[in-house]
Amino acid sequence: MTDLLVGGEWAAASGGARFQTVNPADGTVITECAEAAPADTGWTPTCAAPAPRAPNW
């Protein structure tokens, strides 16, 4: 199971929705991921701003 990676930290989606990632070759479920909602985008400017200054950018 995978949550959202926000600013280097794992966080659950605000709405709690999840979706399955399926292997297209055989239809088996690979994992279940958090489904971001519009409310989850408020952190975007805060987390993205330092990225270009990161040494591994």
Protein backbone atom coordinates (compact mmCIF):
# COMPACT_ATOMS: atom_id res chain seq x y z
CA MET A 1 0.00 0.00 0.00
CA THR A 2 1.34 3.43 -0.96
CA ASP A 3 0.42 6.88 0.31
CA LEU A 4 1.27 10.27 -1.19
CA LEU A 5 4.88 11.44 -0.99
CA VAL A 6 4.62 15.07 0.11
CA GLY A 7 7.78 17.05 0.79
CA GLY A 8 9.76 13.88 1.43
CA GLU A 9 7.16 12.52 3.89
CA TRP A 10 4.49 9.89 3.31
CA ALA A 11 0.91 11.11 3.90
CA ALA A 12 -2.56 9.68 3.41
CA ALA A 13 -4.83 11.34 0.85
CA SER A 14 -7.26 13.77 2.46
CA GLY A 15 -10.33 12.01 1.05
CA GLY A 16 -9.08 8.55 1.94
CA ALA A 17 -9.69 7.26 -1.60
CA ARG A 18 -7.40 4.59 -3.00
CA PHE A 19 -6.93 2.88 -6.38
CA GLN A 20 -5.30 -0.35 -7.49
CA THR A 21 -2.32 -0.54 -9.81
CA VAL A 22 -2.78 -3.58 -12.02
CA ASN A 23 -0.20 -5.56 -13.97
CA PRO A 24 -1.38 -5.26 -17.60
CA ALA A 25 0.23 -8.54 -18.56
CA ASP A 26 -1.80 -10.75 -16.24
CA GLY A 27 -4.32 -8.52 -14.44
CA THR A 28 -2.92 -9.10 -10.96
CA VAL A 29 -2.96 -6.24 -8.47
CA ILE A 30 0.56 -4.88 -7.89
CA THR A 31 -0.30 -2.42 -5.12
CA GLU A 32 -2.92 -0.03 -3.83
CA CYS A 33 -2.16 3.71 -3.93
CA ALA A 34 -3.62 6.82 -2.33
CA GLU A 35 -5.73 8.88 -4.74
CA ALA A 36 -4.98 12.58 -4.34
CA ALA A 37 -7.94 14.94 -4.16
CA PRO A 38 -8.06 18.68 -4.97
CA ALA A 39 -7.57 19.38 -1.26
CA ASP A 40 -4.21 17.59 -1.42
CA THR A 41 -2.74 20.16 -3.82
CA GLY A 42 -2.43 23.00 -1.28
CA TRP A 43 1.05 21.83 -0.29
CA THR A 44 2.37 21.92 -3.88
CA PRO A 45 4.00 25.41 -3.88
CA THR A 46 5.55 24.87 -0.46
CA CYS A 47 7.09 21.52 -1.34
CA ALA A 48 8.07 22.35 -4.92
CA ALA A 49 9.80 25.69 -4.27
CA PRO A 50 13.03 24.24 -2.77
CA ALA A 51 13.40 21.52 -5.42
CA PRO A 52 15.50 23.50 -7.96
CA ARG A 53 17.98 24.35 -5.21
CA ALA A 54 18.39 20.73 -4.10
CA PRO A 55 21.87 19.33 -4.88
CA ASN A 56 20.46 16.31 -6.71
CA TRP A 57 18.04 18.31 -8.88
